[in-house]
């Protein structure tokens, strides 16, 4: 009798139902684990009349030199290994410039 019951529980007909239950349980768990959205006051304000402009010309220059746009995969690639020491220094300077930009004034 026990063998018959266990055979019925794990029969081939029940696997789609069990599989669907597992997929639903795993699919919904990340949504439940996410924290509730908490809007920080710092990011809620903006200055509409601020005219600050971020200069991306150095970044555009680097992209023009090292970005591969015709890769067969259709995905743009950046030739990291090909970046010269001088361009690496330029990138470091650009990142330093970006760090000085006040995000709250954008």
PDB file of N, CA and C in Angstrom:
ATOM      1  N   UNK A   1       0.818  -1.199   0.000  1.00  0.00           N
ATOM      2  CA  UNK A   1       0.000   0.000   0.000  1.00  0.00           C
ATOM      3  C   UNK A   1       0.863   1.264   0.000  1.00  0.00           C
ATOM      4  N   UNK A   2       1.893   1.330   0.856  1.00  0.00           N
ATOM      5  CA  UNK A   2       2.775   2.496   0.910  1.00  0.00           C
ATOM      6  C   UNK A   2       3.490   2.675  -0.421  1.00  0.00           C
ATOM      7  N   UNK A   3       3.908   1.576  -1.000  1.00  0.00           N
ATOM      8  CA  UNK A   3       4.592   1.645  -2.281  1.00  0.00           C
ATOM      9  C   UNK A   3       3.675   2.203  -3.365  1.00  0.00           C
ATOM     10  N   UNK A   4       2.421   1.866  -3.327  1.00  0.00           N
ATOM     11  CA  UNK A   4       1.453   2.354  -4.300  1.00  0.00           C
ATOM     12  C   UNK A   4       1.226   3.850  -4.139  1.00  0.00           C
ATOM     13  N   UNK A   5       1.126   4.329  -2.894  1.00  0.00           N
ATOM     14  CA  UNK A   5       0.913   5.762  -2.645  1.00  0.00           C
ATOM     15  C   UNK A   5       2.119   6.567  -3.109  1.00  0.00           C
ATOM     16  N   UNK A   6       3.339   6.136  -2.754  1.00  0.00           N
ATOM     17  CA  UNK A   6       4.527   6.880  -3.179  1.00  0.00           C
ATOM     18  C   UNK A   6       4.662   6.850  -4.696  1.00  0.00           C
ATOM     19  N   UNK A   7       4.263   5.750  -5.303  1.00  0.00           N
ATOM     20  CA  UNK A   7       4.310   5.665  -6.754  1.00  0.00           C
ATOM     21  C   UNK A   7       3.331   6.666  -7.375  1.00  0.00           C
ATOM     22  N   UNK A   8       2.163   6.835  -6.775  1.00  0.00           N
ATOM     23  CA  UNK A   8       1.173   7.777  -7.291  1.00  0.00           C
ATOM     24  C   UNK A   8       1.638   9.219  -7.114  1.00  0.00           C
ATOM     25  N   UNK A   9       2.278   9.524  -5.984  1.00  0.00           N
ATOM     26  CA  UNK A   9       2.732  10.894  -5.720  1.00  0.00           C
ATOM     27  C   UNK A   9       3.796  11.307  -6.727  1.00  0.00           C
ATOM     28  N   UNK A  10       4.704  10.401  -7.047  1.00  0.00           N
ATOM     29  CA  UNK A  10       5.809  10.734  -7.932  1.00  0.00           C
ATOM     30  C   UNK A  10       5.634  10.148  -9.332  1.00  0.00           C
ATOM     31  N   UNK A  11       4.415   9.999  -9.758  1.00  0.00           N
ATOM     32  CA  UNK A  11       4.169   9.478 -11.101  1.00  0.00           C
ATOM     33  C   UNK A  11       4.549  10.522 -12.140  1.00  0.00           C
ATOM     34  N   UNK A  12       4.729  10.100 -13.351  1.00  0.00           N
ATOM     35  CA  UNK A  12       5.121  11.014 -14.428  1.00  0.00           C
ATOM     36  C   UNK A  12       4.085  12.093 -14.676  1.00  0.00           C
ATOM     37  N   UNK A  13       2.830  11.814 -14.390  1.00  0.00           N
ATOM     38  CA  UNK A  13       1.785  12.807 -14.611  1.00  0.00           C
ATOM     39  C   UNK A  13       1.875  13.960 -13.624  1.00  0.00           C
ATOM     40  N   UNK A  14       2.448  13.733 -12.450  1.00  0.00           N
ATOM     41  CA  UNK A  14       2.498  14.792 -11.437  1.00  0.00           C
ATOM     42  C   UNK A  14       3.710  15.704 -11.604  1.00  0.00           C
ATOM     43  N   UNK A  15       4.727  15.303 -12.362  1.00  0.00           N
ATOM     44  CA  UNK A  15       5.929  16.119 -12.502  1.00  0.00           C
ATOM     45  C   UNK A  15       5.672  17.493 -13.126  1.00  0.00           C
ATOM     46  N   UNK A  16       4.834  17.623 -14.139  1.00  0.00           N
ATOM     47  CA  UNK A  16       4.574  18.978 -14.655  1.00  0.00           C
ATOM     48  C   UNK A  16       3.994  19.911 -13.592  1.00  0.00           C
ATOM     49  N   UNK A  17       3.123  19.388 -12.753  1.00  0.00           N
ATOM     50  CA  UNK A  17       2.532  20.213 -11.695  1.00  0.00           C
ATOM     51  C   UNK A  17       3.589  20.584 -10.668  1.00  0.00           C
ATOM     52  N   UNK A  18       4.408  19.604 -10.282  1.00  0.00           N
ATOM     53  CA  UNK A  18       5.483  19.874  -9.318  1.00  0.00           C
ATOM     54  C   UNK A  18       6.471  20.868  -9.916  1.00  0.00           C
ATOM     55  N   UNK A  19       6.835  20.683 -11.177  1.00  0.00           N
ATOM     56  CA  UNK A  19       7.760  21.603 -11.840  1.00  0.00           C
ATOM     57  C   UNK A  19       7.211  23.011 -11.918  1.00  0.00           C
ATOM     58  N   UNK A  20       5.943  23.143 -12.239  1.00  0.00           N
ATOM     59  CA  UNK A  20       5.316  24.461 -12.302  1.00  0.00           C
ATOM     60  C   UNK A  20       5.326  25.128 -10.935  1.00  0.00           C
ATOM     61  N   UNK A  21       5.050  24.361  -9.904  1.00  0.00           N
ATOM     62  CA  UNK A  21       5.070  24.907  -8.544  1.00  0.00           C
ATOM     63  C   UNK A  21       6.467  25.401  -8.178  1.00  0.00           C
ATOM     64  N   UNK A  22       7.488  24.629  -8.504  1.00  0.00           N
ATOM     65  CA  UNK A  22       8.868  25.025  -8.194  1.00  0.00           C
ATOM     66  C   UNK A  22       9.243  26.283  -8.964  1.00  0.00           C
ATOM     67  N   UNK A  23       8.902  26.350 -10.232  1.00  0.00           N
ATOM     68  CA  UNK A  23       9.215  27.535 -11.040  1.00  0.00           C
ATOM     69  C   UNK A  23       8.520  28.768 -10.480  1.00  0.00           C
ATOM     70  N   UNK A  24       7.274  28.626 -10.100  1.00  0.00           N
ATOM     71  CA  UNK A  24       6.542  29.766  -9.541  1.00  0.00           C
ATOM     72  C   UNK A  24       7.147  30.187  -8.211  1.00  0.00           C
ATOM     73  N   UNK A  25       7.515  29.227  -7.372  1.00  0.00           N
ATOM     74  CA  UNK A  25       8.092  29.552  -6.073  1.00  0.00           C
ATOM     75  C   UNK A  25       9.429  30.258  -6.235  1.00  0.00           C
ATOM     76  N   UNK A  26      10.266  29.785  -7.149  1.00  0.00           N
ATOM     77  CA  UNK A  26      11.563  30.415  -7.372  1.00  0.00           C
ATOM     78  C   UNK A  26      11.421  31.752  -8.084  1.00  0.00           C
ATOM     79  N   UNK A  27      10.478  31.852  -8.978  1.00  0.00           N
ATOM     80  CA  UNK A  27      10.284  33.093  -9.730  1.00  0.00           C
ATOM     81  C   UNK A  27       9.744  34.224  -8.886  1.00  0.00           C
ATOM     82  N   UNK A  28       8.952  33.919  -7.901  1.00  0.00           N
ATOM     83  CA  UNK A  28       8.359  34.962  -7.071  1.00  0.00           C
ATOM     84  C   UNK A  28       9.222  35.340  -5.880  1.00  0.00           C
ATOM     85  N   UNK A  29      10.146  34.489  -5.491  1.00  0.00           N
ATOM     86  CA  UNK A  29      10.929  34.768  -4.291  1.00  0.00           C
ATOM     87  C   UNK A  29      11.814  36.012  -4.408  1.00  0.00           C
ATOM     88  N   UNK A  30      12.473  36.310  -5.543  1.00  0.00           N
ATOM     89  CA  UNK A  30      13.268  37.536  -5.598  1.00  0.00           C
ATOM     90  C   UNK A  30      12.422  38.797  -5.420  1.00  0.00           C
ATOM     91  N   UNK A  31      11.211  38.782  -5.928  1.00  0.00           N
ATOM     92  CA  UNK A  31      10.351  39.960  -5.780  1.00  0.00           C
ATOM     93  C   UNK A  31      10.002  40.190  -4.316  1.00  0.00           C
ATOM     94  N   UNK A  32       9.815  39.137  -3.582  1.00  0.00           N
ATOM     95  CA  UNK A  32       9.501  39.275  -2.166  1.00  0.00           C
ATOM     96  C   UNK A  32      10.723  39.662  -1.354  1.00  0.00           C
ATOM     97  N   UNK A  33      11.906  39.346  -1.832  1.00  0.00           N
ATOM     98  CA  UNK A  33      13.125  39.630  -1.094  1.00  0.00           C
ATOM     99  C   UNK A  33      13.610  41.059  -1.299  1.00  0.00           C
ATOM    100  N   UNK A  34      13.141  41.731  -2.315  1.00  0.00           N
ATOM    101  CA  UNK A  34      13.601  43.089  -2.607  1.00  0.00           C
ATOM    102  C   UNK A  34      13.096  44.058  -1.548  1.00  0.00           C
ATOM    103  N   UNK A  35      13.937  45.026  -1.168  1.00  0.00           N
ATOM    104  CA  UNK A  35      13.476  46.010  -0.192  1.00  0.00           C
ATOM    105  C   UNK A  35      12.435  46.936  -0.808  1.00  0.00           C
ATOM    106  N   UNK A  36      11.622  47.504   0.031  1.00  0.00           N
ATOM    107  CA  UNK A  36      10.632  48.451  -0.477  1.00  0.00           C
ATOM    108  C   UNK A  36      11.351  49.719  -0.926  1.00  0.00           C
ATOM    109  N   UNK A  37      10.843  50.383  -1.951  1.00  0.00           N
ATOM    110  CA  UNK A  37      11.515  51.587  -2.442  1.00  0.00           C
ATOM    111  C   UNK A  37      11.497  52.686  -1.388  1.00  0.00           C
ATOM    112  N   UNK A  38      12.651  53.314  -1.227  1.00  0.00           N
ATOM    113  CA  UNK A  38      12.788  54.383  -0.243  1.00  0.00           C
ATOM    114  C   UNK A  38      13.398  55.583  -0.962  1.00  0.00           C
ATOM    115  N   UNK A  39      12.581  56.556  -1.295  1.00  0.00           N
ATOM    116  CA  UNK A  39      13.067  57.724  -2.020  1.00  0.00           C
ATOM    117  C   UNK A  39      13.787  58.660  -1.059  1.00  0.00           C
ATOM    118  N   UNK A  40      15.050  58.907  -1.329  1.00  0.00           N
ATOM    119  CA  UNK A  40      15.831  59.793  -0.489  1.00  0.00           C
ATOM    120  C   UNK A  40      15.533  61.233  -0.888  1.00  0.00           C
ATOM    121  N   UNK A  41      15.336  62.110   0.070  1.00  0.00           N
ATOM    122  CA  UNK A  41      15.048  63.516  -0.249  1.00  0.00           C
ATOM    123  C   UNK A  41      16.123  64.151  -1.133  1.00  0.00           C
ATOM    124  N   UNK A  42      17.379  63.736  -0.962  1.00  0.00           N
ATOM    125  CA  UNK A  42      18.467  64.310  -1.753  1.00  0.00           C
ATOM    126  C   UNK A  42      18.226  64.123  -3.249  1.00  0.00           C
ATOM    127  N   UNK A  43      17.642  63.001  -3.656  1.00  0.00           N
ATOM    128  CA  UNK A  43      17.458  62.699  -5.065  1.00  0.00           C
ATOM    129  C   UNK A  43      16.095  63.139  -5.588  1.00  0.00           C
ATOM    130  N   UNK A  44      15.225  63.636  -4.715  1.00  0.00           N
ATOM    131  CA  UNK A  44      13.901  64.068  -5.144  1.00  0.00           C
ATOM    132  C   UNK A  44      13.893  65.503  -5.648  1.00  0.00           C
ATOM    133  N   UNK A  45      14.882  66.274  -5.263  1.00  0.00           N
ATOM    134  CA  UNK A  45      14.911  67.673  -5.674  1.00  0.00           C
ATOM    135  C   UNK A  45      15.782  67.830  -6.914  1.00  0.00           C
ATOM    136  N   UNK A  46      15.454  68.798  -7.710  1.00  0.00           N
ATOM    137  CA  UNK A  46      16.280  69.145  -8.856  1.00  0.00           C
ATOM    138  C   UNK A  46      16.192  70.647  -9.055  1.00  0.00           C
ATOM    139  N   UNK A  47      17.191  71.175  -9.718  1.00  0.00           N
ATOM    140  CA  UNK A  47      17.232  72.604  -9.984  1.00  0.00           C
ATOM    141  C   UNK A  47      16.932  72.786 -11.467  1.00  0.00           C
ATOM    142  N   UNK A  48      15.701  73.156 -11.769  1.00  0.00           N
ATOM    143  CA  UNK A  48      15.265  73.251 -13.165  1.00  0.00           C
ATOM    144  C   UNK A  48      15.995  74.347 -13.936  1.00  0.00           C
ATOM    145  N   UNK A  49      16.372  75.423 -13.260  1.00  0.00           N
ATOM    146  CA  UNK A  49      17.000  76.539 -13.969  1.00  0.00           C
ATOM    147  C   UNK A  49      18.527  76.476 -13.940  1.00  0.00           C
ATOM    148  N   UNK A  50      19.100  75.409 -13.432  1.00  0.00           N
ATOM    149  CA  UNK A  50      20.550  75.272 -13.417  1.00  0.00           C
ATOM    150  C   UNK A  50      21.035  74.989 -14.834  1.00  0.00           C
ATOM    151  N   UNK A  51      22.109  75.619 -15.213  1.00  0.00           N
ATOM    152  CA  UNK A  51      22.629  75.468 -16.576  1.00  0.00           C
ATOM    153  C   UNK A  51      23.934  74.679 -16.607  1.00  0.00           C
ATOM    154  N   UNK A  52      24.231  73.938 -15.542  1.00  0.00           N
ATOM    155  CA  UNK A  52      25.464  73.168 -15.516  1.00  0.00           C
ATOM    156  C   UNK A  52      25.452  72.131 -16.636  1.00  0.00           C
ATOM    157  N   UNK A  53      26.556  72.062 -17.359  1.00  0.00           N
ATOM    158  CA  UNK A  53      26.695  71.118 -18.460  1.00  0.00           C
ATOM    159  C   UNK A  53      27.917  70.251 -18.182  1.00  0.00           C
ATOM    160  N   UNK A  54      27.772  68.961 -18.348  1.00  0.00           N
ATOM    161  CA  UNK A  54      28.896  68.047 -18.171  1.00  0.00           C
ATOM    162  C   UNK A  54      29.558  67.858 -19.528  1.00  0.00           C
ATOM    163  N   UNK A  55      30.868  68.076 -19.574  1.00  0.00           N
ATOM    164  CA  UNK A  55      31.624  67.975 -20.822  1.00  0.00           C
ATOM    165  C   UNK A  55      32.104  66.533 -21.022  1.00  0.00           C
ATOM    166  N   UNK A  56      31.562  65.868 -22.008  1.00  0.00           N
ATOM    167  CA  UNK A  56      31.928  64.484 -22.307  1.00  0.00           C
ATOM    168  C   UNK A  56      32.858  64.378 -23.511  1.00  0.00           C
ATOM    169  N   UNK A  57      33.466  65.463 -23.922  1.00  0.00           N
ATOM    170  CA  UNK A  57      34.279  65.428 -25.139  1.00  0.00           C
ATOM    171  C   UNK A  57      35.473  64.479 -25.008  1.00  0.00           C
ATOM    172  N   UNK A  58      36.099  64.421 -23.844  1.00  0.00           N
ATOM    173  CA  UNK A  58      37.226  63.509 -23.667  1.00  0.00           C
ATOM    174  C   UNK A  58      36.764  62.056 -23.759  1.00  0.00           C
ATOM    175  N   UNK A  59      35.621  61.758 -23.162  1.00  0.00           N
ATOM    176  CA  UNK A  59      35.060  60.407 -23.242  1.00  0.00           C
ATOM    177  C   UNK A  59      34.729  60.057 -24.693  1.00  0.00           C
ATOM    178  N   UNK A  60      34.157  61.014 -25.416  1.00  0.00           N
ATOM    179  CA  UNK A  60      33.832  60.780 -26.828  1.00  0.00           C
ATOM    180  C   UNK A  60      35.089  60.511 -27.651  1.00  0.00           C
ATOM    181  N   UNK A  61      36.183  61.197 -27.309  1.00  0.00           N
ATOM    182  CA  UNK A  61      37.451  60.973 -27.999  1.00  0.00           C
ATOM    183  C   UNK A  61      37.947  59.550 -27.765  1.00  0.00           C
ATOM    184  N   UNK A  62      37.856  59.095 -26.512  1.00  0.00           N
ATOM    185  CA  UNK A  62      38.277  57.726 -26.194  1.00  0.00           C
ATOM    186  C   UNK A  62      37.398  56.694 -26.906  1.00  0.00           C
ATOM    187  N   UNK A  63      36.105  56.948 -26.935  1.00  0.00           N
ATOM    188  CA  UNK A  63      35.205  56.024 -27.631  1.00  0.00           C
ATOM    189  C   UNK A  63      35.519  55.974 -29.123  1.00  0.00           C
ATOM    190  N   UNK A  64      35.818  57.124 -29.701  1.00  0.00           N
ATOM    191  CA  UNK A  64      36.131  57.164 -31.133  1.00  0.00           C
ATOM    192  C   UNK A  64      37.381  56.339 -31.443  1.00  0.00           C
ATOM    193  N   UNK A  65      38.336  56.303 -30.506  1.00  0.00           N
ATOM    194  CA  UNK A  65      39.576  55.559 -30.721  1.00  0.00           C
ATOM    195  C   UNK A  65      39.434  54.062 -30.473  1.00  0.00           C
ATOM    196  N   UNK A  66      38.694  53.689 -29.436  1.00  0.00           N
ATOM    197  CA  UNK A  66      38.756  52.307 -28.958  1.00  0.00           C
ATOM    198  C   UNK A  66      37.448  51.521 -29.045  1.00  0.00           C
ATOM    199  N   UNK A  67      36.364  52.142 -29.443  1.00  0.00           N
ATOM    200  CA  UNK A  67      35.098  51.422 -29.523  1.00  0.00           C
ATOM    201  C   UNK A  67      34.984  50.698 -30.863  1.00  0.00           C
ATOM    202  N   UNK A  68      34.677  49.413 -30.808  1.00  0.00           N
ATOM    203  CA  UNK A  68      34.483  48.606 -32.010  1.00  0.00           C
ATOM    204  C   UNK A  68      32.978  48.449 -32.200  1.00  0.00           C
ATOM    205  N   UNK A  69      32.457  49.052 -33.258  1.00  0.00           N
ATOM    206  CA  UNK A  69      31.005  49.036 -33.482  1.00  0.00           C
ATOM    207  C   UNK A  69      30.572  48.042 -34.558  1.00  0.00           C
ATOM    208  N   UNK A  70      31.540  47.431 -35.237  1.00  0.00           N
ATOM    209  CA  UNK A  70      31.180  46.521 -36.330  1.00  0.00           C
ATOM    210  C   UNK A  70      31.476  45.058 -35.995  1.00  0.00           C
ATOM    211  N   UNK A  71      31.414  44.698 -34.738  1.00  0.00           N
ATOM    212  CA  UNK A  71      31.654  43.310 -34.342  1.00  0.00           C
ATOM    213  C   UNK A  71      30.533  42.431 -34.893  1.00  0.00           C
ATOM    214  N   UNK A  72      30.847  41.223 -35.371  1.00  0.00           N
ATOM    215  CA  UNK A  72      29.820  40.343 -35.953  1.00  0.00           C
ATOM    216  C   UNK A  72      28.662  40.017 -35.002  1.00  0.00           C
ATOM    217  N   UNK A  73      28.910  40.085 -33.698  1.00  0.00           N
ATOM    218  CA  UNK A  73      27.844  39.775 -32.737  1.00  0.00           C
ATOM    219  C   UNK A  73      26.800  40.876 -32.676  1.00  0.00           C
ATOM    220  N   UNK A  74      27.155  42.055 -33.193  1.00  0.00           N
ATOM    221  CA  UNK A  74      26.239  43.187 -33.104  1.00  0.00           C
ATOM    222  C   UNK A  74      26.374  43.942 -31.794  1.00  0.00           C
ATOM    223  N   UNK A  75      27.270  43.476 -30.933  1.00  0.00           N
ATOM    224  CA  UNK A  75      27.493  44.115 -29.632  1.00  0.00           C
ATOM    225  C   UNK A  75      28.729  44.996 -29.736  1.00  0.00           C
ATOM    226  N   UNK A  76      28.620  46.229 -29.281  1.00  0.00           N
ATOM    227  CA  UNK A  76      29.776  47.112 -29.284  1.00  0.00           C
ATOM    228  C   UNK A  76      30.819  46.593 -28.302  1.00  0.00           C
ATOM    229  N   UNK A  77      32.081  46.689 -28.686  1.00  0.00           N
ATOM    230  CA  UNK A  77      33.199  46.236 -27.851  1.00  0.00           C
ATOM    231  C   UNK A  77      34.145  47.403 -27.631  1.00  0.00           C
ATOM    232  N   UNK A  78      34.783  47.421 -26.470  1.00  0.00           N
ATOM    233  CA  UNK A  78      35.789  48.432 -26.165  1.00  0.00           C
ATOM    234  C   UNK A  78      37.125  47.713 -26.052  1.00  0.00           C
ATOM    235  N   UNK A  79      38.123  48.201 -26.782  1.00  0.00           N
ATOM    236  CA  UNK A  79      39.441  47.556 -26.802  1.00  0.00           C
ATOM    237  C   UNK A  79      40.270  48.010 -25.599  1.00  0.00           C
ATOM    238  N   UNK A  80      39.974  47.431 -24.439  1.00  0.00           N
ATOM    239  CA  UNK A  80      40.654  47.817 -23.204  1.00  0.00           C
ATOM    240  C   UNK A  80      42.161  47.611 -23.299  1.00  0.00           C
ATOM    241  N   UNK A  81      42.585  46.499 -23.862  1.00  0.00           N
ATOM    242  CA  UNK A  81      44.013  46.194 -23.941  1.00  0.00           C
ATOM    243  C   UNK A  81      44.754  47.158 -24.858  1.00  0.00           C
ATOM    244  N   UNK A  82      44.044  47.826 -25.743  1.00  0.00           N
ATOM    245  CA  UNK A  82      44.689  48.737 -26.673  1.00  0.00           C
ATOM    246  C   UNK A  82      44.840  50.160 -26.167  1.00  0.00           C
ATOM    247  N   UNK A  83      44.304  50.456 -24.998  1.00  0.00           N
ATOM    248  CA  UNK A  83      44.358  51.826 -24.475  1.00  0.00           C
ATOM    249  C   UNK A  83      45.800  52.178 -24.121  1.00  0.00           C
ATOM    250  N   UNK A  84      46.276  53.272 -24.681  1.00  0.00           N
ATOM    251  CA  UNK A  84      47.653  53.706 -24.437  1.00  0.00           C
ATOM    252  C   UNK A  84      47.776  54.306 -23.037  1.00  0.00           C
ATOM    253  N   UNK A  85      48.993  54.360 -22.504  1.00  0.00           N
ATOM    254  CA  UNK A  85      49.187  54.990 -21.189  1.00  0.00           C
ATOM    255  C   UNK A  85      48.711  56.447 -21.164  1.00  0.00           C
ATOM    256  N   UNK A  86      48.914  57.166 -22.262  1.00  0.00           N
ATOM    257  CA  UNK A  86      48.470  58.563 -22.312  1.00  0.00           C
ATOM    258  C   UNK A  86      46.944  58.640 -22.254  1.00  0.00           C
ATOM    259  N   UNK A  87      46.280  57.742 -22.967  1.00  0.00           N
ATOM    260  CA  UNK A  87      44.816  57.745 -22.938  1.00  0.00           C
ATOM    261  C   UNK A  87      44.290  57.270 -21.589  1.00  0.00           C
ATOM    262  N   UNK A  88      45.031  56.374 -20.947  1.00  0.00           N
ATOM    263  CA  UNK A  88      44.641  55.944 -19.595  1.00  0.00           C
ATOM    264  C   UNK A  88      44.715  57.140 -18.640  1.00  0.00           C
ATOM    265  N   UNK A  89      45.736  57.957 -18.793  1.00  0.00           N
ATOM    266  CA  UNK A  89      45.866  59.164 -17.977  1.00  0.00           C
ATOM    267  C   UNK A  89      44.713  60.124 -18.269  1.00  0.00           C
ATOM    268  N   UNK A  90      44.355  60.252 -19.534  1.00  0.00           N
ATOM    269  CA  UNK A  90      43.223  61.107 -19.897  1.00  0.00           C
ATOM    270  C   UNK A  90      41.930  60.588 -19.280  1.00  0.00           C
ATOM    271  N   UNK A  91      41.754  59.273 -19.282  1.00  0.00           N
ATOM    272  CA  UNK A  91      40.566  58.686 -18.666  1.00  0.00           C
ATOM    273  C   UNK A  91      40.545  58.963 -17.169  1.00  0.00           C
ATOM    274  N   UNK A  92      41.687  58.830 -16.512  1.00  0.00           N
ATOM    275  CA  UNK A  92      41.760  59.129 -15.078  1.00  0.00           C
ATOM    276  C   UNK A  92      41.397  60.586 -14.806  1.00  0.00           C
ATOM    277  N   UNK A  93      41.871  61.494 -15.662  1.00  0.00           N
ATOM    278  CA  UNK A  93      41.538  62.913 -15.501  1.00  0.00           C
ATOM    279  C   UNK A  93      40.043  63.143 -15.707  1.00  0.00           C
ATOM    280  N   UNK A  94      39.462  62.468 -16.696  1.00  0.00           N
ATOM    281  CA  UNK A  94      38.033  62.608 -16.951  1.00  0.00           C
ATOM    282  C   UNK A  94      37.225  62.103 -15.764  1.00  0.00           C
ATOM    283  N   UNK A  95      37.619  60.961 -15.205  1.00  0.00           N
ATOM    284  CA  UNK A  95      36.913  60.434 -14.035  1.00  0.00           C
ATOM    285  C   UNK A  95      37.043  61.380 -12.845  1.00  0.00           C
ATOM    286  N   UNK A  96      38.214  61.999 -12.690  1.00  0.00           N
ATOM    287  CA  UNK A  96      38.388  62.999 -11.638  1.00  0.00           C
ATOM    288  C   UNK A  96      37.467  64.191 -11.851  1.00  0.00           C
ATOM    289  N   UNK A  97      37.334  64.607 -13.107  1.00  0.00           N
ATOM    290  CA  UNK A  97      36.421  65.701 -13.445  1.00  0.00           C
ATOM    291  C   UNK A  97      34.983  65.331 -13.096  1.00  0.00           C
ATOM    292  N   UNK A  98      34.565  64.112 -13.460  1.00  0.00           N
ATOM    293  CA  UNK A  98      33.194  63.682 -13.166  1.00  0.00           C
ATOM    294  C   UNK A  98      32.930  63.629 -11.664  1.00  0.00           C
ATOM    295  N   UNK A  99      33.940  63.270 -10.891  1.00  0.00           N
ATOM    296  CA  UNK A  99      33.768  63.200  -9.443  1.00  0.00           C
ATOM    297  C   UNK A  99      33.547  64.577  -8.830  1.00  0.00           C
ATOM    298  N   UNK A 100      33.969  65.616  -9.524  1.00  0.00           N
ATOM    299  CA  UNK A 100      33.788  66.976  -9.019  1.00  0.00           C
ATOM    300  C   UNK A 100      32.410  67.546  -9.351  1.00  0.00           C
ATOM    301  N   UNK A 101      31.685  66.910 -10.251  1.00  0.00           N
ATOM    302  CA  UNK A 101      30.358  67.395 -10.641  1.00  0.00           C
ATOM    303  C   UNK A 101      29.376  67.136  -9.509  1.00  0.00           C
ATOM    304  N   UNK A 102      28.651  68.174  -9.104  1.00  0.00           N
ATOM    305  CA  UNK A 102      27.645  68.018  -8.058  1.00  0.00           C
ATOM    306  C   UNK A 102      26.381  67.438  -8.682  1.00  0.00           C
ATOM    307  N   UNK A 103      26.100  66.192  -8.356  1.00  0.00           N
ATOM    308  CA  UNK A 103      24.942  65.506  -8.929  1.00  0.00           C
ATOM    309  C   UNK A 103      23.653  66.227  -8.560  1.00  0.00           C
ATOM    310  N   UNK A 104      23.601  66.782  -7.371  1.00  0.00           N
ATOM    311  CA  UNK A 104      22.374  67.454  -6.927  1.00  0.00           C
ATOM    312  C   UNK A 104      22.073  68.710  -7.731  1.00  0.00           C
ATOM    313  N   UNK A 105      23.056  69.207  -8.471  1.00  0.00           N
ATOM    314  CA  UNK A 105      22.806  70.415  -9.260  1.00  0.00           C
ATOM    315  C   UNK A 105      22.515  70.098 -10.724  1.00  0.00           C
ATOM    316  N   UNK A 106      22.421  68.837 -11.061  1.00  0.00           N
ATOM    317  CA  UNK A 106      22.118  68.478 -12.453  1.00  0.00           C
ATOM    318  C   UNK A 106      20.628  68.518 -12.697  1.00  0.00           C
TER     319      UNK A 106
END
